[in-house]
Amino acid sequence: MLTTNMLILIGVFVFAVCSIYIFNSILNYLKHQNIITKFADYTSVLQYYIEKSYDMVHKDRILVYSLEATRVPEDEINVVSKDFITLVEKLLGPRLREEMIYLHGNYETFAFIMAEYFSTRYEQDEIRKSTVSEMMESESQLET
Protein backbone atom coordinates (compact mmCIF):
# COMPACT_ATOMS: atom_id res chain seq x y z
CA MET A 1 0.00 0.00 0.00
CA LEU A 2 0.98 3.58 -0.50
CA THR A 3 2.14 5.38 2.56
CA THR A 4 1.08 8.89 3.47
CA ASN A 5 4.49 10.27 2.52
CA MET A 6 4.24 8.73 -0.93
CA LEU A 7 0.77 10.17 -1.45
CA ILE A 8 2.01 13.62 -0.42
CA LEU A 9 4.99 13.27 -2.79
CA ILE A 10 2.71 12.26 -5.68
CA GLY A 11 0.39 15.18 -4.88
CA VAL A 12 3.30 17.64 -4.86
CA PHE A 13 4.56 16.23 -8.17
CA VAL A 14 1.12 16.55 -9.84
CA PHE A 15 0.76 20.07 -8.45
CA ALA A 16 4.20 21.06 -9.77
CA VAL A 17 3.50 19.67 -13.24
CA CYS A 18 0.13 21.45 -13.40
CA SER A 19 1.67 24.71 -12.15
CA ILE A 20 4.42 24.58 -14.79
CA TYR A 21 1.85 23.89 -17.53
CA ILE A 22 -0.34 26.80 -16.43
CA PHE A 23 2.67 29.12 -16.11
CA ASN A 24 3.88 28.22 -19.63
CA SER A 25 0.38 28.72 -21.04
CA ILE A 26 0.18 32.19 -19.49
CA LEU A 27 3.64 33.10 -20.81
CA ASN A 28 2.74 31.94 -24.34
CA TYR A 29 -0.51 33.91 -24.21
CA LEU A 30 1.30 37.07 -23.09
CA LYS A 31 3.99 36.61 -25.75
CA HIS A 32 1.43 36.24 -28.52
CA GLN A 33 -0.63 39.11 -27.13
CA ASN A 34 2.48 41.29 -27.19
CA ILE A 35 3.16 40.37 -30.82
CA ILE A 36 -0.37 41.36 -31.80
CA THR A 37 -0.37 44.65 -29.86
CA LYS A 38 3.00 45.59 -31.37
CA PHE A 39 1.79 44.95 -34.94
CA ALA A 40 3.00 48.34 -36.21
CA ASP A 41 6.48 47.74 -34.81
CA TYR A 42 6.69 44.29 -36.36
CA THR A 43 5.52 45.56 -39.75
CA SER A 44 8.12 48.33 -39.60
CA VAL A 45 10.85 45.78 -38.97
CA LEU A 46 9.51 43.56 -41.76
CA GLN A 47 9.32 46.54 -44.12
CA TYR A 48 12.95 47.40 -43.38
CA TYR A 49 14.20 43.88 -44.14
CA ILE A 50 11.98 43.50 -47.20
CA GLU A 51 13.28 46.75 -48.70
CA LYS A 52 16.88 45.85 -47.87
CA SER A 53 16.42 42.41 -49.45
CA TYR A 54 14.78 43.84 -52.55
CA ASP A 55 17.62 46.31 -53.01
CA MET A 56 20.16 43.50 -52.72
CA VAL A 57 18.31 41.19 -55.11
CA HIS A 58 17.63 44.01 -57.54
CA LYS A 59 21.29 45.04 -57.63
CA ASP A 60 22.56 41.47 -58.06
CA ARG A 61 19.92 39.86 -60.27
CA ILE A 62 17.60 42.42 -61.91
CA LEU A 63 19.63 45.57 -62.57
CA VAL A 64 21.29 44.11 -65.66
CA TYR A 65 17.88 43.52 -67.26
CA SER A 66 16.69 46.98 -66.19
CA LEU A 67 19.65 48.71 -67.78
CA GLU A 68 19.04 46.81 -71.00
CA ALA A 69 15.36 47.83 -70.82
CA THR A 70 14.23 44.20 -70.93
CA ARG A 71 12.09 42.16 -68.62
CA VAL A 72 13.53 39.31 -66.60
CA PRO A 73 12.46 35.98 -68.17
CA GLU A 74 9.50 34.36 -66.40
CA ASP A 75 11.41 31.29 -65.20
CA GLU A 76 14.20 33.52 -63.90
CA ILE A 77 11.79 35.85 -62.12
CA ASN A 78 10.30 32.90 -60.23
CA VAL A 79 13.77 31.88 -59.04
CA VAL A 80 14.63 35.45 -58.09
CA SER A 81 11.35 35.79 -56.19
CA LYS A 82 12.08 32.64 -54.17
CA ASP A 83 15.61 33.86 -53.51
CA PHE A 84 14.16 37.16 -52.31
CA ILE A 85 11.87 35.39 -49.83
CA THR A 86 14.78 33.27 -48.58
CA LEU A 87 16.94 36.36 -48.13
CA VAL A 88 14.23 38.15 -46.13
CA GLU A 89 13.91 35.10 -43.87
CA LYS A 90 17.68 34.96 -43.35
CA LEU A 91 17.85 38.65 -42.49
CA LEU A 92 14.97 38.31 -40.04
CA GLY A 93 16.64 35.45 -38.21
CA PRO A 94 14.90 32.41 -36.75
CA ARG A 95 13.13 34.15 -33.85
CA LEU A 96 11.68 37.06 -35.83
CA ARG A 97 10.80 34.71 -38.68
CA GLU A 98 8.70 32.57 -36.35
CA GLU A 99 7.05 35.64 -34.84
CA MET A 100 6.23 37.00 -38.30
CA ILE A 101 4.74 33.66 -39.30
CA TYR A 102 2.63 33.69 -36.13
CA LEU A 103 1.60 37.29 -36.79
CA HIS A 104 0.49 36.50 -40.36
CA GLY A 105 -1.24 33.24 -39.46
CA ASN A 106 0.91 30.72 -41.32
CA TYR A 107 3.98 30.47 -43.53
CA GLU A 108 2.03 30.51 -46.81
CA THR A 109 0.46 33.88 -45.99
CA PHE A 110 3.79 35.29 -44.85
CA ALA A 111 5.53 34.12 -48.04
CA PHE A 112 2.63 35.43 -50.17
CA ILE A 113 2.99 38.89 -48.64
CA MET A 114 6.71 38.94 -49.42
CA ALA A 115 6.18 37.62 -52.96
CA GLU A 116 3.48 40.23 -53.57
CA TYR A 117 5.81 42.99 -52.40
CA PHE A 118 8.52 41.70 -54.73
CA SER A 119 6.14 41.56 -57.69
CA THR A 120 4.83 45.05 -57.04
CA ARG A 121 8.29 46.56 -56.72
CA TYR A 122 9.49 44.70 -59.80
CA GLU A 123 6.56 46.00 -61.85
CA GLN A 124 7.37 49.54 -60.71
CA ASP A 125 11.04 49.28 -61.71
CA GLU A 126 11.89 52.92 -62.43
CA ILE A 127 15.30 52.17 -63.96
CA ARG A 128 13.78 49.93 -66.61
CA LYS A 129 10.98 52.42 -67.29
CA SER A 130 13.39 55.33 -67.69
CA THR A 131 15.71 53.26 -69.91
CA VAL A 132 12.79 52.24 -72.12
CA SER A 133 11.59 55.83 -72.40
CA GLU A 134 15.13 57.02 -73.21
CA MET A 135 15.38 54.38 -75.93
CA MET A 136 12.00 55.40 -77.34
CA GLU A 137 13.06 59.05 -77.36
CA SER A 138 16.35 58.29 -79.09
CA GLU A 139 14.56 56.15 -81.68
CA SER A 140 12.05 58.91 -82.37
CA GLN A 141 14.88 61.43 -82.74
CA LEU A 142 16.63 59.13 -85.19
CA GLU A 143 13.48 58.86 -87.29
CA THR A 144 13.18 62.65 -87.61
C-alpha atoms as a PDB file:
ATOM      1  CA  MET A   1       0.000   0.000   0.000  1.00  0.00           C
ATOM      2  CA  LEU A   2       0.982   3.577  -0.500  1.00  0.00           C
ATOM      3  CA  THR A   3       2.137   5.376   2.559  1.00  0.00           C
ATOM      4  CA  THR A   4       1.076   8.890   3.474  1.00  0.00           C
ATOM      5  CA  ASN A   5       4.486  10.274   2.524  1.00  0.00           C
ATOM      6  CA  MET A   6       4.245   8.731  -0.926  1.00  0.00           C
ATOM      7  CA  LEU A   7       0.768  10.173  -1.447  1.00  0.00           C
ATOM      8  CA  ILE A   8       2.012  13.616  -0.424  1.00  0.00           C
ATOM      9  CA  LEU A   9       4.986  13.265  -2.788  1.00  0.00           C
ATOM     10  CA  ILE A  10       2.708  12.264  -5.684  1.00  0.00           C
ATOM     11  CA  GLY A  11       0.391  15.183  -4.880  1.00  0.00           C
ATOM     12  CA  VAL A  12       3.303  17.640  -4.863  1.00  0.00           C
ATOM     13  CA  PHE A  13       4.565  16.233  -8.173  1.00  0.00           C
ATOM     14  CA  VAL A  14       1.124  16.549  -9.836  1.00  0.00           C
ATOM     15  CA  PHE A  15       0.758  20.068  -8.446  1.00  0.00           C
ATOM     16  CA  ALA A  16       4.205  21.057  -9.767  1.00  0.00           C
ATOM     17  CA  VAL A  17       3.495  19.671 -13.240  1.00  0.00           C
ATOM     18  CA  CYS A  18       0.130  21.448 -13.395  1.00  0.00           C
ATOM     19  CA  SER A  19       1.669  24.706 -12.151  1.00  0.00           C
ATOM     20  CA  ILE A  20       4.422  24.584 -14.791  1.00  0.00           C
ATOM     21  CA  TYR A  21       1.854  23.889 -17.527  1.00  0.00           C
ATOM     22  CA  ILE A  22      -0.345  26.801 -16.429  1.00  0.00           C
ATOM     23  CA  PHE A  23       2.666  29.124 -16.112  1.00  0.00           C
ATOM     24  CA  ASN A  24       3.880  28.220 -19.628  1.00  0.00           C
ATOM     25  CA  SER A  25       0.379  28.725 -21.037  1.00  0.00           C
ATOM     26  CA  ILE A  26       0.181  32.185 -19.488  1.00  0.00           C
ATOM     27  CA  LEU A  27       3.642  33.100 -20.812  1.00  0.00           C
ATOM     28  CA  ASN A  28       2.735  31.943 -24.344  1.00  0.00           C
ATOM     29  CA  TYR A  29      -0.511  33.913 -24.213  1.00  0.00           C
ATOM     30  CA  LEU A  30       1.303  37.071 -23.086  1.00  0.00           C
ATOM     31  CA  LYS A  31       3.990  36.610 -25.746  1.00  0.00           C
ATOM     32  CA  HIS A  32       1.429  36.239 -28.519  1.00  0.00           C
ATOM     33  CA  GLN A  33      -0.631  39.110 -27.131  1.00  0.00           C
ATOM     34  CA  ASN A  34       2.483  41.287 -27.194  1.00  0.00           C
ATOM     35  CA  ILE A  35       3.156  40.368 -30.823  1.00  0.00           C
ATOM     36  CA  ILE A  36      -0.374  41.362 -31.798  1.00  0.00           C
ATOM     37  CA  THR A  37      -0.373  44.645 -29.858  1.00  0.00           C
ATOM     38  CA  LYS A  38       3.004  45.586 -31.367  1.00  0.00           C
ATOM     39  CA  PHE A  39       1.794  44.949 -34.940  1.00  0.00           C
ATOM     40  CA  ALA A  40       3.004  48.340 -36.209  1.00  0.00           C
ATOM     41  CA  ASP A  41       6.479  47.744 -34.809  1.00  0.00           C
ATOM     42  CA  TYR A  42       6.689  44.289 -36.364  1.00  0.00           C
ATOM     43  CA  THR A  43       5.523  45.556 -39.746  1.00  0.00           C
ATOM     44  CA  SER A  44       8.122  48.330 -39.603  1.00  0.00           C
ATOM     45  CA  VAL A  45      10.854  45.777 -38.972  1.00  0.00           C
ATOM     46  CA  LEU A  46       9.515  43.558 -41.758  1.00  0.00           C
ATOM     47  CA  GLN A  47       9.323  46.540 -44.124  1.00  0.00           C
ATOM     48  CA  TYR A  48      12.953  47.403 -43.384  1.00  0.00           C
ATOM     49  CA  TYR A  49      14.196  43.877 -44.139  1.00  0.00           C
ATOM     50  CA  ILE A  50      11.981  43.500 -47.196  1.00  0.00           C
ATOM     51  CA  GLU A  51      13.282  46.752 -48.696  1.00  0.00           C
ATOM     52  CA  LYS A  52      16.876  45.853 -47.873  1.00  0.00           C
ATOM     53  CA  SER A  53      16.419  42.408 -49.450  1.00  0.00           C
ATOM     54  CA  TYR A  54      14.782  43.837 -52.549  1.00  0.00           C
ATOM     55  CA  ASP A  55      17.617  46.312 -53.011  1.00  0.00           C
ATOM     56  CA  MET A  56      20.163  43.502 -52.718  1.00  0.00           C
ATOM     57  CA  VAL A  57      18.315  41.194 -55.113  1.00  0.00           C
ATOM     58  CA  HIS A  58      17.632  44.013 -57.544  1.00  0.00           C
ATOM     59  CA  LYS A  59      21.288  45.040 -57.630  1.00  0.00           C
ATOM     60  CA  ASP A  60      22.556  41.470 -58.057  1.00  0.00           C
ATOM     61  CA  ARG A  61      19.917  39.864 -60.271  1.00  0.00           C
ATOM     62  CA  ILE A  62      17.597  42.417 -61.907  1.00  0.00           C
ATOM     63  CA  LEU A  63      19.628  45.566 -62.565  1.00  0.00           C
ATOM     64  CA  VAL A  64      21.291  44.105 -65.660  1.00  0.00           C
ATOM     65  CA  TYR A  65      17.884  43.524 -67.261  1.00  0.00           C
ATOM     66  CA  SER A  66      16.693  46.982 -66.194  1.00  0.00           C
ATOM     67  CA  LEU A  67      19.654  48.713 -67.781  1.00  0.00           C
ATOM     68  CA  GLU A  68      19.043  46.807 -70.998  1.00  0.00           C
ATOM     69  CA  ALA A  69      15.358  47.827 -70.822  1.00  0.00           C
ATOM     70  CA  THR A  70      14.226  44.203 -70.930  1.00  0.00           C
ATOM     71  CA  ARG A  71      12.087  42.161 -68.620  1.00  0.00           C
ATOM     72  CA  VAL A  72      13.526  39.311 -66.602  1.00  0.00           C
ATOM     73  CA  PRO A  73      12.462  35.976 -68.174  1.00  0.00           C
ATOM     74  CA  GLU A  74       9.498  34.357 -66.401  1.00  0.00           C
ATOM     75  CA  ASP A  75      11.413  31.292 -65.203  1.00  0.00           C
ATOM     76  CA  GLU A  76      14.204  33.516 -63.899  1.00  0.00           C
ATOM     77  CA  ILE A  77      11.794  35.855 -62.116  1.00  0.00           C
ATOM     78  CA  ASN A  78      10.301  32.901 -60.231  1.00  0.00           C
ATOM     79  CA  VAL A  79      13.767  31.876 -59.035  1.00  0.00           C
ATOM     80  CA  VAL A  80      14.630  35.454 -58.091  1.00  0.00           C
ATOM     81  CA  SER A  81      11.350  35.791 -56.193  1.00  0.00           C
ATOM     82  CA  LYS A  82      12.080  32.641 -54.175  1.00  0.00           C
ATOM     83  CA  ASP A  83      15.614  33.857 -53.506  1.00  0.00           C
ATOM     84  CA  PHE A  84      14.158  37.160 -52.313  1.00  0.00           C
ATOM     85  CA  ILE A  85      11.873  35.386 -49.830  1.00  0.00           C
ATOM     86  CA  THR A  86      14.780  33.272 -48.577  1.00  0.00           C
ATOM     87  CA  LEU A  87      16.942  36.364 -48.129  1.00  0.00           C
ATOM     88  CA  VAL A  88      14.227  38.152 -46.127  1.00  0.00           C
ATOM     89  CA  GLU A  89      13.913  35.100 -43.870  1.00  0.00           C
ATOM     90  CA  LYS A  90      17.680  34.960 -43.346  1.00  0.00           C
ATOM     91  CA  LEU A  91      17.849  38.650 -42.485  1.00  0.00           C
ATOM     92  CA  LEU A  92      14.966  38.306 -40.035  1.00  0.00           C
ATOM     93  CA  GLY A  93      16.636  35.447 -38.207  1.00  0.00           C
ATOM     94  CA  PRO A  94      14.895  32.407 -36.748  1.00  0.00           C
ATOM     95  CA  ARG A  95      13.128  34.148 -33.851  1.00  0.00           C
ATOM     96  CA  LEU A  96      11.684  37.061 -35.831  1.00  0.00           C
ATOM     97  CA  ARG A  97      10.797  34.711 -38.683  1.00  0.00           C
ATOM     98  CA  GLU A  98       8.701  32.567 -36.352  1.00  0.00           C
ATOM     99  CA  GLU A  99       7.051  35.639 -34.839  1.00  0.00           C
ATOM    100  CA  MET A 100       6.233  36.997 -38.300  1.00  0.00           C
ATOM    101  CA  ILE A 101       4.736  33.661 -39.300  1.00  0.00           C
ATOM    102  CA  TYR A 102       2.632  33.694 -36.134  1.00  0.00           C
ATOM    103  CA  LEU A 103       1.598  37.294 -36.787  1.00  0.00           C
ATOM    104  CA  HIS A 104       0.492  36.504 -40.359  1.00  0.00           C
ATOM    105  CA  GLY A 105      -1.238  33.241 -39.465  1.00  0.00           C
ATOM    106  CA  ASN A 106       0.908  30.722 -41.322  1.00  0.00           C
ATOM    107  CA  TYR A 107       3.976  30.467 -43.531  1.00  0.00           C
ATOM    108  CA  GLU A 108       2.034  30.506 -46.805  1.00  0.00           C
ATOM    109  CA  THR A 109       0.460  33.879 -45.988  1.00  0.00           C
ATOM    110  CA  PHE A 110       3.788  35.292 -44.846  1.00  0.00           C
ATOM    111  CA  ALA A 111       5.527  34.118 -48.042  1.00  0.00           C
ATOM    112  CA  PHE A 112       2.634  35.425 -50.170  1.00  0.00           C
ATOM    113  CA  ILE A 113       2.990  38.894 -48.644  1.00  0.00           C
ATOM    114  CA  MET A 114       6.707  38.935 -49.417  1.00  0.00           C
ATOM    115  CA  ALA A 115       6.175  37.625 -52.961  1.00  0.00           C
ATOM    116  CA  GLU A 116       3.476  40.229 -53.574  1.00  0.00           C
ATOM    117  CA  TYR A 117       5.814  42.988 -52.398  1.00  0.00           C
ATOM    118  CA  PHE A 118       8.522  41.700 -54.726  1.00  0.00           C
ATOM    119  CA  SER A 119       6.141  41.560 -57.694  1.00  0.00           C
ATOM    120  CA  THR A 120       4.828  45.051 -57.044  1.00  0.00           C
ATOM    121  CA  ARG A 121       8.293  46.555 -56.717  1.00  0.00           C
ATOM    122  CA  TYR A 122       9.486  44.699 -59.805  1.00  0.00           C
ATOM    123  CA  GLU A 123       6.556  46.001 -61.851  1.00  0.00           C
ATOM    124  CA  GLN A 124       7.374  49.544 -60.711  1.00  0.00           C
ATOM    125  CA  ASP A 125      11.041  49.285 -61.707  1.00  0.00           C
ATOM    126  CA  GLU A 126      11.895  52.923 -62.428  1.00  0.00           C
ATOM    127  CA  ILE A 127      15.297  52.170 -63.956  1.00  0.00           C
ATOM    128  CA  ARG A 128      13.778  49.928 -66.608  1.00  0.00           C
ATOM    129  CA  LYS A 129      10.984  52.425 -67.287  1.00  0.00           C
ATOM    130  CA  SER A 130      13.393  55.331 -67.687  1.00  0.00           C
ATOM    131  CA  THR A 131      15.708  53.260 -69.910  1.00  0.00           C
ATOM    132  CA  VAL A 132      12.790  52.235 -72.123  1.00  0.00           C
ATOM    133  CA  SER A 133      11.593  55.832 -72.396  1.00  0.00           C
ATOM    134  CA  GLU A 134      15.129  57.021 -73.214  1.00  0.00           C
ATOM    135  CA  MET A 135      15.383  54.377 -75.932  1.00  0.00           C
ATOM    136  CA  MET A 136      11.999  55.404 -77.343  1.00  0.00           C
ATOM    137  CA  GLU A 137      13.057  59.054 -77.361  1.00  0.00           C
ATOM    138  CA  SER A 138      16.348  58.292 -79.088  1.00  0.00           C
ATOM    139  CA  GLU A 139      14.560  56.155 -81.680  1.00  0.00           C
ATOM    140  CA  SER A 140      12.050  58.906 -82.365  1.00  0.00           C
ATOM    141  CA  GLN A 141      14.880  61.431 -82.738  1.00  0.00           C
ATOM    142  CA  LEU A 142      16.628  59.127 -85.194  1.00  0.00           C
ATOM    143  CA  GLU A 143      13.478  58.858 -87.289  1.00  0.00           C
ATOM    144  CA  THR A 144      13.181  62.646 -87.611  1.00  0.00           C
END
